[in-house]
N, C-alpha and C. Protein backbone atom coordinates (compact mmCIF):
# COMPACT_ATOMS: atom_id res chain seq x y z
N UNK A 1 -23.78 -14.22 -6.27
CA UNK A 1 -23.65 -13.01 -6.53
C UNK A 1 -23.33 -12.55 -8.28
N UNK A 2 -24.23 -11.88 -8.83
CA UNK A 2 -24.62 -11.60 -10.07
C UNK A 2 -23.34 -11.19 -10.71
N UNK A 3 -22.41 -10.15 -10.04
CA UNK A 3 -21.21 -9.61 -10.71
C UNK A 3 -20.02 -10.41 -10.49
N UNK A 4 -20.25 -11.74 -9.95
CA UNK A 4 -18.92 -12.31 -9.90
C UNK A 4 -18.64 -13.02 -11.82
N UNK A 5 -17.63 -13.08 -11.84
CA UNK A 5 -17.61 -13.63 -13.50
C UNK A 5 -16.78 -15.30 -13.35
N UNK A 6 -17.07 -15.98 -14.11
CA UNK A 6 -16.69 -17.47 -13.64
C UNK A 6 -15.11 -17.38 -13.91
N UNK A 7 -14.34 -18.50 -13.08
CA UNK A 7 -13.10 -18.55 -12.78
C UNK A 7 -12.22 -18.34 -14.11
N UNK A 8 -12.52 -19.41 -15.24
CA UNK A 8 -12.19 -19.52 -16.28
C UNK A 8 -12.37 -18.13 -17.26
N UNK A 9 -13.31 -17.08 -17.26
CA UNK A 9 -13.68 -16.03 -17.74
C UNK A 9 -14.55 -16.40 -19.31
N UNK A 10 -14.93 -17.57 -19.12
CA UNK A 10 -15.47 -18.46 -20.01
C UNK A 10 -16.47 -17.54 -20.98
N UNK A 11 -16.53 -17.00 -21.99
CA UNK A 11 -17.25 -15.79 -22.89
C UNK A 11 -17.22 -14.43 -22.34
N UNK A 12 -16.19 -13.92 -21.74
CA UNK A 12 -15.94 -12.84 -20.93
C UNK A 12 -14.44 -12.25 -21.61
N UNK A 13 -14.48 -11.15 -21.44
CA UNK A 13 -13.14 -10.48 -21.88
C UNK A 13 -12.07 -10.55 -20.70
N UNK A 14 -10.73 -10.64 -21.08
CA UNK A 14 -9.97 -10.94 -20.01
C UNK A 14 -9.41 -9.89 -19.53
N UNK A 15 -9.89 -8.42 -19.97
CA UNK A 15 -9.08 -7.49 -19.45
C UNK A 15 -10.47 -6.78 -19.08
N UNK A 16 -11.68 -6.45 -18.85
CA UNK A 16 -12.49 -5.72 -18.59
C UNK A 16 -13.73 -7.14 -17.73
N UNK A 17 -13.34 -8.12 -17.94
CA UNK A 17 -14.25 -9.27 -17.75
C UNK A 17 -15.80 -9.03 -17.70
N UNK A 18 -15.95 -8.28 -18.90
CA UNK A 18 -17.52 -8.17 -19.09
C UNK A 18 -17.64 -9.20 -20.45
N UNK A 19 -19.01 -9.57 -20.59
CA UNK A 19 -19.22 -10.76 -21.80
C UNK A 19 -18.40 -9.79 -22.94
N UNK A 20 -18.02 -10.88 -23.68
CA UNK A 20 -17.36 -10.42 -24.99
C UNK A 20 -17.99 -9.70 -25.81
N UNK A 21 -19.40 -9.80 -25.67
CA UNK A 21 -20.47 -8.80 -26.66
C UNK A 21 -20.28 -7.36 -26.25
N UNK A 22 -19.87 -7.61 -24.94
CA UNK A 22 -20.45 -6.00 -24.43
C UNK A 22 -18.89 -5.68 -23.98
N UNK A 23 -17.83 -5.93 -24.17
CA UNK A 23 -16.34 -5.75 -24.09
C UNK A 23 -16.09 -3.99 -24.19
N UNK A 24 -15.73 -3.40 -23.23
CA UNK A 24 -15.45 -2.02 -23.17
C UNK A 24 -14.39 -1.28 -23.49
N UNK A 25 -13.48 -2.54 -23.60
CA UNK A 25 -11.96 -2.01 -23.91
C UNK A 25 -11.48 -1.23 -24.87
N UNK A 26 -12.40 -1.39 -26.23
CA UNK A 26 -12.04 -0.13 -27.15
C UNK A 26 -12.21 1.12 -26.94
N UNK A 27 -13.04 1.23 -25.88
CA UNK A 27 -13.68 2.69 -25.26
C UNK A 27 -12.73 3.37 -24.23
N UNK A 28 -11.76 2.24 -23.93
CA UNK A 28 -10.98 2.87 -22.33
C UNK A 28 -10.02 3.80 -22.96
N UNK A 29 -10.02 5.16 -22.10
CA UNK A 29 -8.76 6.18 -22.63
C UNK A 29 -7.93 5.89 -21.81
N UNK A 30 -6.59 6.48 -22.53
CA UNK A 30 -5.45 6.61 -21.87
C UNK A 30 -5.61 7.91 -21.11
N UNK A 31 -5.64 7.85 -19.95
CA UNK A 31 -5.09 9.33 -19.06
C UNK A 31 -4.08 9.33 -18.47
N UNK A 32 -2.99 10.20 -18.92
CA UNK A 32 -1.75 10.12 -18.03
C UNK A 32 -2.32 11.19 -16.80
N UNK A 33 -1.47 10.64 -15.86
CA UNK A 33 -1.28 11.74 -14.77
C UNK A 33 -0.22 12.05 -13.80
N UNK A 34 -0.23 12.99 -13.39
CA UNK A 34 1.15 13.52 -12.51
C UNK A 34 0.97 12.56 -11.27
N UNK A 35 -0.24 12.32 -10.88
CA UNK A 35 -0.08 11.40 -9.65
C UNK A 35 -0.07 10.10 -9.89
N UNK A 36 0.78 9.40 -9.03
CA UNK A 36 0.69 7.87 -8.91
C UNK A 36 -0.37 7.48 -8.08
N UNK A 37 -0.81 6.21 -8.67
CA UNK A 37 -2.68 5.64 -7.73
C UNK A 37 -2.40 4.75 -7.45
N UNK A 38 -2.33 3.98 -6.27
CA UNK A 38 -1.84 2.59 -5.58
C UNK A 38 -3.30 2.16 -5.41
N UNK A 39 -4.30 1.56 -5.80
CA UNK A 39 -5.48 0.61 -5.55
C UNK A 39 -5.19 -0.61 -4.37
N UNK A 40 -5.68 -0.32 -3.29
CA UNK A 40 -5.71 -1.67 -2.31
C UNK A 40 -6.96 -2.32 -2.63
N UNK A 41 -7.03 -3.46 -3.18
CA UNK A 41 -8.04 -4.17 -3.67
C UNK A 41 -8.71 -5.03 -2.85
N UNK A 42 -9.87 -5.35 -2.29
CA UNK A 42 -10.23 -6.46 -1.32
C UNK A 42 -10.14 -7.48 -2.36
N UNK A 43 -9.89 -8.88 -1.88
CA UNK A 43 -9.99 -9.96 -2.20
C UNK A 43 -11.04 -10.16 -3.29
N UNK A 44 -12.21 -9.96 -2.20
CA UNK A 44 -13.81 -10.56 -2.73
C UNK A 44 -14.14 -9.58 -4.19
N UNK A 45 -13.49 -8.76 -4.15
CA UNK A 45 -13.82 -7.43 -5.49
C UNK A 45 -13.08 -7.88 -6.77
N UNK A 46 -11.86 -9.25 -6.61
CA UNK A 46 -11.38 -9.08 -7.61
C UNK A 46 -12.35 -10.06 -8.73
N UNK A 47 -12.79 -10.55 -8.84
CA UNK A 47 -13.53 -11.05 -9.90
C UNK A 47 -14.93 -10.66 -10.06
N UNK A 48 -15.61 -9.50 -9.63
CA UNK A 48 -16.36 -8.95 -9.78
C UNK A 48 -16.25 -8.23 -11.30
N UNK A 49 -17.56 -8.54 -12.06
CA UNK A 49 -17.74 -7.72 -13.49
C UNK A 49 -17.55 -6.25 -13.02
N UNK A 50 -18.43 -5.83 -11.58
CA UNK A 50 -18.64 -4.46 -11.72
C UNK A 50 -17.45 -3.59 -11.06
N UNK A 51 -16.45 -4.49 -10.83
CA UNK A 51 -15.34 -3.58 -10.10
C UNK A 51 -14.84 -2.66 -10.89
N UNK A 52 -15.03 -1.23 -10.36
CA UNK A 52 -14.61 -0.31 -11.46
C UNK A 52 -13.24 0.14 -11.26
N UNK A 53 -12.30 -0.69 -10.35
CA UNK A 53 -10.96 -0.35 -9.85
C UNK A 53 -10.06 -0.93 -10.96
N UNK A 54 -10.76 -2.10 -11.81
CA UNK A 54 -10.06 -2.78 -12.72
C UNK A 54 -10.01 -1.88 -14.29
N UNK A 55 -11.05 -1.03 -14.27
CA UNK A 55 -11.64 -0.36 -15.43
C UNK A 55 -10.45 0.82 -15.12
N UNK A 56 -10.45 1.39 -13.74
CA UNK A 56 -9.73 2.52 -13.50
C UNK A 56 -8.08 2.02 -14.15
N UNK A 57 -7.64 1.11 -13.87
CA UNK A 57 -6.30 0.79 -13.62
C UNK A 57 -6.04 0.80 -15.45
N UNK A 58 -7.08 0.01 -16.22
CA UNK A 58 -6.87 -0.01 -17.55
C UNK A 58 -6.41 1.35 -18.11
N UNK A 59 -7.32 2.21 -17.48
CA UNK A 59 -7.12 3.52 -18.41
C UNK A 59 -5.92 4.63 -17.77
N UNK A 60 -5.11 4.31 -16.37
CA UNK A 60 -4.47 4.94 -16.03
C UNK A 60 -3.15 4.78 -15.96
N UNK A 61 -2.08 4.59 -16.85
CA UNK A 61 -0.80 4.23 -17.09
C UNK A 61 0.13 4.06 -15.50
N UNK A 62 -0.25 4.83 -14.59
CA UNK A 62 0.60 5.51 -13.29
C UNK A 62 -0.74 4.69 -12.50
N UNK A 63 -1.42 3.71 -12.63
CA UNK A 63 -2.00 3.19 -11.44
C UNK A 63 -1.42 1.87 -11.46
N UNK A 64 -1.54 1.02 -10.30
CA UNK A 64 -1.47 -0.12 -10.20
C UNK A 64 -2.62 -0.94 -8.92
N UNK A 65 -2.47 -2.03 -9.07
CA UNK A 65 -3.65 -3.11 -7.88
C UNK A 65 -2.90 -3.65 -7.28
N UNK A 66 -3.08 -3.72 -6.05
CA UNK A 66 -2.52 -4.66 -4.75
C UNK A 66 -3.59 -5.12 -4.06
N UNK A 67 -3.40 -6.58 -3.82
CA UNK A 67 -4.44 -7.04 -3.29
C UNK A 67 -4.45 -7.31 -1.90
N UNK A 68 -5.58 -7.31 -1.02
CA UNK A 68 -5.96 -7.52 0.26
C UNK A 68 -7.16 -8.52 0.68
N UNK A 69 -6.50 -9.41 1.64
CA UNK A 69 -7.37 -10.38 2.28
C UNK A 69 -7.82 -11.70 1.61
N UNK A 70 -6.53 -11.85 0.77
CA UNK A 70 -6.68 -13.67 -0.01
C UNK A 70 -6.57 -14.70 1.14
N UNK A 71 -7.06 -15.50 1.02
CA UNK A 71 -6.90 -16.42 2.16
C UNK A 71 -5.03 -17.01 2.19
N UNK A 72 -4.77 -17.03 3.16
CA UNK A 72 -3.20 -17.46 3.31
C UNK A 72 -2.46 -16.45 2.70
N UNK A 73 -2.81 -15.12 2.28
CA UNK A 73 -1.65 -14.21 1.68
C UNK A 73 -1.70 -13.02 2.66
N UNK A 74 -1.01 -12.82 3.58
CA UNK A 74 -1.12 -11.65 4.56
C UNK A 74 -0.74 -10.48 3.26
N UNK A 75 -1.74 -9.18 3.66
CA UNK A 75 -1.18 -8.18 3.24
C UNK A 75 0.46 -7.23 3.10
N UNK A 76 0.87 -7.07 2.25
CA UNK A 76 2.48 -6.66 2.27
C UNK A 76 2.53 -5.04 2.46
N UNK A 77 2.47 -4.44 3.72
CA UNK A 77 2.30 -3.33 3.65
C UNK A 77 3.64 -2.41 2.94
N UNK A 78 4.85 -3.33 2.97
CA UNK A 78 5.74 -2.37 2.46
C UNK A 78 5.50 -1.43 1.09
N UNK A 79 4.37 -1.98 0.09
CA UNK A 79 3.98 -0.93 -0.83
C UNK A 79 3.80 0.50 -0.50
N UNK A 80 3.11 1.00 0.94
CA UNK A 80 3.11 2.17 1.37
C UNK A 80 4.41 3.10 1.68
N UNK A 81 5.63 2.36 1.81
CA UNK A 81 6.88 2.46 2.39
C UNK A 81 7.74 2.71 1.04
N UNK A 82 7.56 3.51 0.43
CA UNK A 82 8.78 3.68 -0.59
C UNK A 82 8.92 5.07 -0.76
N UNK A 83 8.81 6.10 0.27
CA UNK A 83 9.44 7.49 0.29
C UNK A 83 8.43 8.70 -0.42
N UNK A 84 7.59 7.99 -1.12
CA UNK A 84 6.62 8.83 -1.80
C UNK A 84 5.64 9.80 -0.75
N UNK A 85 5.31 11.23 -0.85
CA UNK A 85 4.50 11.94 -0.43
C UNK A 85 3.01 11.52 -0.72
N UNK A 86 2.32 10.58 0.32
CA UNK A 86 1.12 9.80 -0.56
C UNK A 86 -0.24 10.42 1.01
N UNK A 87 -1.19 10.52 0.10
CA UNK A 87 -2.40 10.91 0.81
C UNK A 87 -3.12 9.66 0.30
N UNK A 88 -4.14 9.37 1.41
CA UNK A 88 -5.03 8.28 1.44
C UNK A 88 -6.65 9.05 0.94
N UNK A 89 -7.30 8.19 -0.13
CA UNK A 89 -8.56 8.89 -0.54
C UNK A 89 -9.38 7.71 0.24
N UNK A 90 -10.32 8.66 1.33
CA UNK A 90 -10.95 8.00 2.44
C UNK A 90 -11.74 8.80 3.16
N UNK A 91 -13.32 8.66 3.44
CA UNK A 91 -13.91 10.00 3.89
C UNK A 91 -13.55 10.11 5.31
N UNK A 92 -12.83 9.17 6.19
CA UNK A 92 -12.63 9.18 7.58
C UNK A 92 -11.66 9.64 8.07
N UNK A 93 -10.28 9.86 6.60
CA UNK A 93 -8.90 9.97 7.18
C UNK A 93 -8.57 11.47 7.66
N UNK A 94 -7.76 11.76 8.15
CA UNK A 94 -7.68 13.27 8.91
C UNK A 94 -7.46 14.02 7.41
N UNK A 95 -7.93 15.27 7.23
CA UNK A 95 -7.69 15.77 6.13
C UNK A 95 -6.04 16.57 6.00
N UNK A 96 -5.77 16.19 4.51
CA UNK A 96 -4.18 16.94 4.37
C UNK A 96 -4.28 18.02 4.20
N UNK A 97 -3.19 18.21 4.47
CA UNK A 97 -2.84 19.74 4.34
C UNK A 97 -1.32 19.72 3.84
N UNK A 98 -0.45 20.91 2.85
CA UNK A 98 0.55 21.19 2.33
C UNK A 98 0.45 20.83 1.22
N UNK A 99 1.65 20.62 0.44
CA UNK A 99 1.64 20.44 -0.91
C UNK A 99 0.80 19.13 -1.17
N UNK A 100 0.54 19.13 -2.81
CA UNK A 100 -0.23 17.89 -3.07
C UNK A 100 0.82 16.88 -3.50
N UNK A 101 -0.04 15.69 -3.33
CA UNK A 101 0.88 14.56 -3.17
C UNK A 101 1.75 13.77 -4.21
N UNK A 102 2.46 13.04 -3.84
CA UNK A 102 2.89 12.30 -5.31
C UNK A 102 2.17 10.87 -5.81
N UNK A 103 1.44 10.51 -4.35
CA UNK A 103 1.01 9.32 -4.91
C UNK A 103 -0.37 9.20 -4.25
N UNK A 104 -1.53 8.88 -4.65
CA UNK A 104 -3.02 8.76 -3.71
C UNK A 104 -3.24 7.25 -3.64
N UNK A 105 -3.21 6.73 -2.44
CA UNK A 105 -4.24 5.41 -2.18
C UNK A 105 -5.34 5.50 -2.09
N UNK A 106 -5.86 4.38 -2.85
CA UNK A 106 -7.00 4.22 -2.99
C UNK A 106 -7.75 2.70 -2.54
N UNK A 107 -8.67 2.95 -1.71
CA UNK A 107 -9.02 1.40 -0.95
C UNK A 107 -10.54 1.19 -1.76
N UNK A 108 -10.54 -0.16 -2.25
CA UNK A 108 -11.51 -0.75 -3.38
C UNK A 108 -11.89 -1.61 -2.81
N UNK A 109 -13.40 -1.95 -2.26
CA UNK A 109 -14.05 -2.92 -1.49
C UNK A 109 -15.37 -2.05 -1.04
N UNK A 110 -16.39 -2.83 -0.63
CA UNK A 110 -17.50 -2.62 -0.12
C UNK A 110 -17.04 -1.58 1.12
N UNK A 111 -18.07 -0.74 1.44
CA UNK A 111 -18.02 0.31 2.58
C UNK A 111 -17.32 -0.32 3.88
N UNK A 112 -18.20 -1.28 4.05
CA UNK A 112 -17.44 -2.40 5.49
C UNK A 112 -15.90 -3.00 5.33
N UNK A 113 -15.86 -3.43 3.82
CA UNK A 113 -14.55 -4.00 3.67
C UNK A 113 -13.28 -3.26 3.60
N UNK A 114 -13.81 -1.96 3.22
CA UNK A 114 -12.83 -0.78 3.12
C UNK A 114 -12.44 -0.12 4.69
N UNK A 115 -13.93 -0.26 5.36
CA UNK A 115 -13.25 0.17 7.14
C UNK A 115 -12.48 -0.56 7.61
N UNK A 116 -12.81 -1.99 7.55
CA UNK A 116 -12.07 -2.99 7.93
C UNK A 116 -10.78 -2.71 7.47
N UNK A 117 -10.32 -2.39 6.35
CA UNK A 117 -9.39 -2.47 5.62
C UNK A 117 -7.91 -1.34 6.20
N UNK A 118 -8.83 -0.32 6.42
CA UNK A 118 -7.91 0.92 7.08
C UNK A 118 -7.92 0.72 8.56
N UNK A 119 -8.68 -0.01 9.21
CA UNK A 119 -8.44 -0.09 10.44
C UNK A 119 -7.28 -1.15 10.74
N UNK A 120 -7.09 -2.34 9.78
CA UNK A 120 -6.32 -3.35 10.07
C UNK A 120 -5.19 -2.88 9.74
N UNK A 121 -4.67 -2.04 8.84
CA UNK A 121 -3.51 -1.80 8.32
C UNK A 121 -3.07 -0.51 8.69
N UNK A 122 -1.95 -0.32 9.96
CA UNK A 122 -1.21 0.95 10.66
C UNK A 122 -0.59 1.87 9.63
N UNK A 123 -0.27 1.38 8.44
CA UNK A 123 0.50 2.52 7.55
C UNK A 123 -0.90 3.41 6.99
N UNK A 124 -1.98 2.83 6.32
CA UNK A 124 -2.76 3.24 5.80
C UNK A 124 -3.47 4.41 7.02
N UNK A 125 -3.80 3.91 8.15
CA UNK A 125 -4.46 5.20 9.36
C UNK A 125 -3.34 6.19 9.67
N UNK A 126 -2.03 6.29 9.36
CA UNK A 126 -1.19 6.94 9.14
C UNK A 126 -0.97 8.18 8.38
N UNK A 127 -1.77 7.77 7.08
CA UNK A 127 -1.93 8.58 6.07
C UNK A 127 -2.39 10.14 6.14
N UNK A 128 -2.10 11.00 5.61
CA UNK A 128 -3.04 12.21 5.41
C UNK A 128 -4.53 11.88 4.23
N UNK A 129 -5.62 12.49 4.67
CA UNK A 129 -6.63 11.75 3.86
C UNK A 129 -7.04 12.61 2.89
N UNK A 130 -7.55 12.64 2.09
CA UNK A 130 -8.66 13.47 1.13
C UNK A 130 -9.85 12.66 1.23
N UNK A 131 -10.70 14.18 1.27
CA UNK A 131 -12.15 13.69 1.53
C UNK A 131 -12.90 14.37 0.32
N UNK A 132 -14.00 13.68 -0.50
CA UNK A 132 -14.80 14.45 -1.61
C UNK A 132 -16.35 14.62 -1.26
N UNK A 133 -16.67 15.54 -1.78
CA UNK A 133 -17.93 15.78 -1.63
C UNK A 133 -18.99 14.86 -2.09
N UNK A 134 -20.04 14.35 -1.76
CA UNK A 134 -20.89 13.47 -2.35
C UNK A 134 -21.50 13.34 -3.45
N UNK A 135 -21.51 12.54 -4.33
CA UNK A 135 -22.14 12.84 -5.30
C UNK A 135 -23.90 13.06 -5.63
N UNK A 136 -24.22 13.93 -6.79
CA UNK A 136 -25.49 14.37 -7.00
C UNK A 136 -26.21 13.10 -6.44
N UNK A 137 -27.51 13.12 -6.02
CA UNK A 137 -28.69 12.14 -5.59
C UNK A 137 -28.83 11.59 -6.86
N UNK A 138 -29.04 11.95 -8.12
CA UNK A 138 -29.56 11.64 -8.97
C UNK A 138 -28.43 10.52 -9.91
N UNK A 139 -27.10 10.29 -9.53
CA UNK A 139 -25.96 10.11 -10.06
C UNK A 139 -26.37 8.15 -10.38
N UNK A 140 -26.41 8.12 -11.61
CA UNK A 140 -26.21 6.73 -11.89
C UNK A 140 -25.17 5.67 -11.36
N UNK A 141 -25.91 4.21 -10.96
CA UNK A 141 -25.10 3.40 -10.05
C UNK A 141 -24.99 1.98 -10.88
N UNK A 142 -23.99 1.60 -10.88
CA UNK A 142 -23.82 0.09 -10.78
C UNK A 142 -24.25 -0.90 -9.35
N UNK A 143 -23.99 -0.35 -8.18
CA UNK A 143 -24.41 -0.70 -6.94
C UNK A 143 -25.00 0.17 -6.03
N UNK A 144 -25.95 -0.45 -5.46
CA UNK A 144 -26.39 0.56 -4.50
C UNK A 144 -25.61 1.28 -3.04
N UNK A 145 -24.98 2.18 -3.06
CA UNK A 145 -24.14 2.64 -1.95
C UNK A 145 -24.98 2.46 -0.94
N UNK A 146 -24.47 2.20 0.83
CA UNK A 146 -25.22 2.20 1.78
C UNK A 146 -25.48 3.68 2.38
N UNK A 147 -24.55 4.58 2.10
CA UNK A 147 -25.04 6.04 2.43
C UNK A 147 -24.73 6.86 1.31
N UNK A 148 -25.33 8.35 1.20
CA UNK A 148 -25.26 9.31 0.28
C UNK A 148 -24.37 9.31 -0.40
N UNK A 149 -23.00 9.49 0.72
CA UNK A 149 -21.78 9.85 0.21
C UNK A 149 -21.11 8.83 -0.61
N UNK A 150 -21.45 7.56 -0.78
CA UNK A 150 -21.11 6.25 -1.38
C UNK A 150 -20.89 6.42 -2.91
N UNK A 151 -19.90 6.28 -3.64
CA UNK A 151 -19.50 6.13 -4.98
C UNK A 151 -18.51 5.09 -5.37
N UNK A 152 -18.49 5.06 -6.79
CA UNK A 152 -17.82 3.57 -7.05
C UNK A 152 -16.39 4.37 -7.06
N UNK A 153 -15.38 3.17 -7.09
CA UNK A 153 -13.98 3.43 -6.95
C UNK A 153 -13.81 4.26 -8.11
N UNK A 154 -14.03 4.24 -9.40
CA UNK A 154 -13.72 4.82 -10.53
C UNK A 154 -14.33 6.46 -10.35
N UNK A 155 -15.41 6.50 -10.07
CA UNK A 155 -16.09 7.74 -9.72
C UNK A 155 -14.83 8.88 -8.67
N UNK A 156 -14.85 8.11 -7.47
CA UNK A 156 -14.08 8.70 -6.22
C UNK A 156 -12.56 8.71 -6.74
N UNK A 157 -11.75 8.21 -7.81
CA UNK A 157 -10.76 8.70 -8.67
C UNK A 157 -10.53 9.75 -9.21
N UNK A 158 -11.67 9.75 -10.21
CA UNK A 158 -12.12 10.72 -11.17
C UNK A 158 -12.14 12.43 -10.28
N UNK A 159 -13.04 12.07 -9.24
CA UNK A 159 -13.10 13.35 -8.15
C UNK A 159 -11.68 13.50 -7.44
N UNK A 160 -11.08 12.86 -7.22
CA UNK A 160 -9.72 13.38 -6.70
C UNK A 160 -8.92 13.92 -7.85
N UNK A 161 -8.61 12.94 -8.60
CA UNK A 161 -7.96 13.88 -9.77
C UNK A 161 -8.35 15.02 -10.14
N UNK A 162 -9.65 15.27 -10.37
CA UNK A 162 -10.21 16.67 -10.78
C UNK A 162 -9.83 17.85 -9.53
N UNK A 163 -9.52 17.29 -8.44
CA UNK A 163 -9.13 18.15 -7.55
C UNK A 163 -7.84 18.31 -7.45
N UNK A 164 -6.90 16.97 -7.72
CA UNK A 164 -5.39 17.40 -7.87
C UNK A 164 -4.89 17.90 -9.12
N UNK A 165 -5.50 17.34 -9.97
CA UNK A 165 -5.18 17.81 -11.50
C UNK A 165 -5.76 18.47 -12.42
N UNK A 166 -6.93 18.39 -12.30
CA UNK A 166 -7.90 19.57 -12.87
C UNK A 166 -9.50 18.79 -13.71
N UNK A 167 -10.17 19.84 -14.07
CA UNK A 167 -11.24 18.74 -14.73
C UNK A 167 -11.06 17.81 -16.01
N UNK A 168 -10.09 18.41 -16.82
CA UNK A 168 -9.56 18.07 -17.88
C UNK A 168 -9.13 16.24 -17.78
N UNK A 169 -8.54 16.00 -16.68
CA UNK A 169 -8.07 14.46 -16.09
C UNK A 169 -9.44 13.75 -15.68
N UNK A 170 -10.26 14.25 -14.92
CA UNK A 170 -11.50 13.39 -14.80
C UNK A 170 -12.31 13.44 -15.69
N UNK A 171 -12.38 14.26 -16.78
CA UNK A 171 -13.77 13.93 -17.49
C UNK A 171 -13.49 12.48 -18.36
N UNK A 172 -12.31 12.54 -18.81
CA UNK A 172 -12.44 11.07 -19.63
C UNK A 172 -13.26 9.62 -18.81
N UNK A 173 -12.69 9.87 -17.43
CA UNK A 173 -12.79 8.82 -16.44
C UNK A 173 -14.04 8.36 -16.03
N UNK A 174 -14.94 9.75 -15.92
CA UNK A 174 -16.43 10.12 -15.97
C UNK A 174 -17.31 9.36 -16.61
N UNK A 175 -16.72 9.65 -18.03
CA UNK A 175 -17.19 9.23 -19.24
C UNK A 175 -17.28 7.64 -19.32
N UNK A 176 -15.99 7.20 -19.01
CA UNK A 176 -15.26 5.69 -19.15
C UNK A 176 -16.57 4.85 -18.00
N UNK A 177 -16.74 5.79 -16.67
CA UNK A 177 -17.69 5.18 -15.96
C UNK A 177 -18.89 4.97 -16.61
N UNK A 178 -19.44 5.95 -17.25
CA UNK A 178 -20.89 5.58 -18.06
C UNK A 178 -20.90 4.72 -18.70
N UNK A 179 -19.84 4.54 -19.82
CA UNK A 179 -19.73 3.60 -20.87
C UNK A 179 -19.95 2.10 -20.09
N UNK A 180 -19.14 1.99 -18.96
CA UNK A 180 -19.34 0.74 -18.11
C UNK A 180 -20.70 0.55 -17.78
N UNK A 181 -21.32 1.62 -17.00
CA UNK A 181 -23.10 1.27 -16.46
C UNK A 181 -23.57 0.43 -17.67
N UNK A 182 -23.62 1.42 -18.93
CA UNK A 182 -23.78 1.23 -19.89
C UNK A 182 -23.97 -0.40 -20.49
N UNK A 183 -22.74 -0.85 -20.58
CA UNK A 183 -22.02 -2.12 -20.74
C UNK A 183 -22.64 -3.25 -19.53
N UNK A 184 -22.55 -3.12 -18.71
CA UNK A 184 -23.15 -3.76 -17.30
C UNK A 184 -24.51 -4.04 -17.76
N UNK A 185 -25.26 -3.09 -17.75
CA UNK A 185 -26.76 -3.34 -17.92
C UNK A 185 -26.96 -4.12 -18.77
N UNK A 186 -26.47 -3.54 -20.03
CA UNK A 186 -27.04 -4.26 -21.29
C UNK A 186 -26.77 -5.50 -21.36
N UNK A 187 -25.71 -6.21 -20.94
CA UNK A 187 -24.95 -7.39 -20.52
C UNK A 187 -26.11 -8.24 -19.87
N UNK A 188 -26.97 -7.53 -18.89
CA UNK A 188 -27.57 -8.18 -18.13
C UNK A 188 -29.12 -8.03 -18.69
N UNK A 189 -29.38 -7.32 -19.83
CA UNK A 189 -30.98 -6.96 -20.41
C UNK A 189 -31.65 -5.92 -19.55
N UNK A 190 -30.69 -4.53 -18.78
CA UNK A 190 -31.33 -3.78 -18.10
C UNK A 190 -31.33 -2.61 -18.60
N UNK A 191 -31.06 -2.50 -19.65
CA UNK A 191 -30.56 -0.98 -20.23
C UNK A 191 -31.97 -0.04 -19.80
N UNK A 192 -31.71 0.84 -19.31
CA UNK A 192 -32.84 2.18 -19.24
C UNK A 192 -33.22 2.09 -17.94
N UNK A 193 -32.97 1.30 -16.77
CA UNK A 193 -33.11 1.15 -15.67
C UNK A 193 -32.77 2.25 -14.82
N UNK A 194 -33.70 2.88 -13.41
CA UNK A 194 -33.33 3.95 -12.97
C UNK A 194 -32.58 3.68 -11.66
N UNK A 195 -33.08 2.38 -10.93
CA UNK A 195 -32.51 1.77 -9.82
C UNK A 195 -31.61 0.60 -9.87
N UNK A 196 -30.43 0.75 -10.16
CA UNK A 196 -29.21 -0.10 -10.31
C UNK A 196 -28.62 -0.65 -8.76
N UNK A 197 -28.13 -2.01 -9.51
CA UNK A 197 -27.78 -2.74 -8.37
C UNK A 197 -26.25 -2.57 -8.00
């Protein structure tokens, strides 16, 4: 898989995982949020240089990533049980009502991985959900989504935060997403392409 990084990160930034010549860490803003963000990332995403959850966590001080699906490591669902009013950012979750959440849980993985994660973790299925409108058809992509509503984790988090906290919180995250696209494509010698992997 092209976006997988070497295990020893040889020639790559240890924070953003991009080749050191294309590192985007200096462009990562600090985006304070009222909402706490918990990303549950599928283990197979962890080493991909195109993983936008990693970049989101660099920008958002109130964000943390927990792993799901690592061989021999069962998922610790207790991370969902800390008494916070929590919503799930997922298109199939029942739409939340009432006061805004203190925390937003974000599923990070391919569409098939994300659906399986939600199906296999009862605590996720019990959470009220937040759905986002689909992105514009001409939105630039790092990976081709399997359906028109698909978007990267960073884009989805920006959309959710725009709804919860306003556009001013989302704008630097969306700008960071554009920088990431440029850096990833540049590192692959593909700047200016219209159809992205």
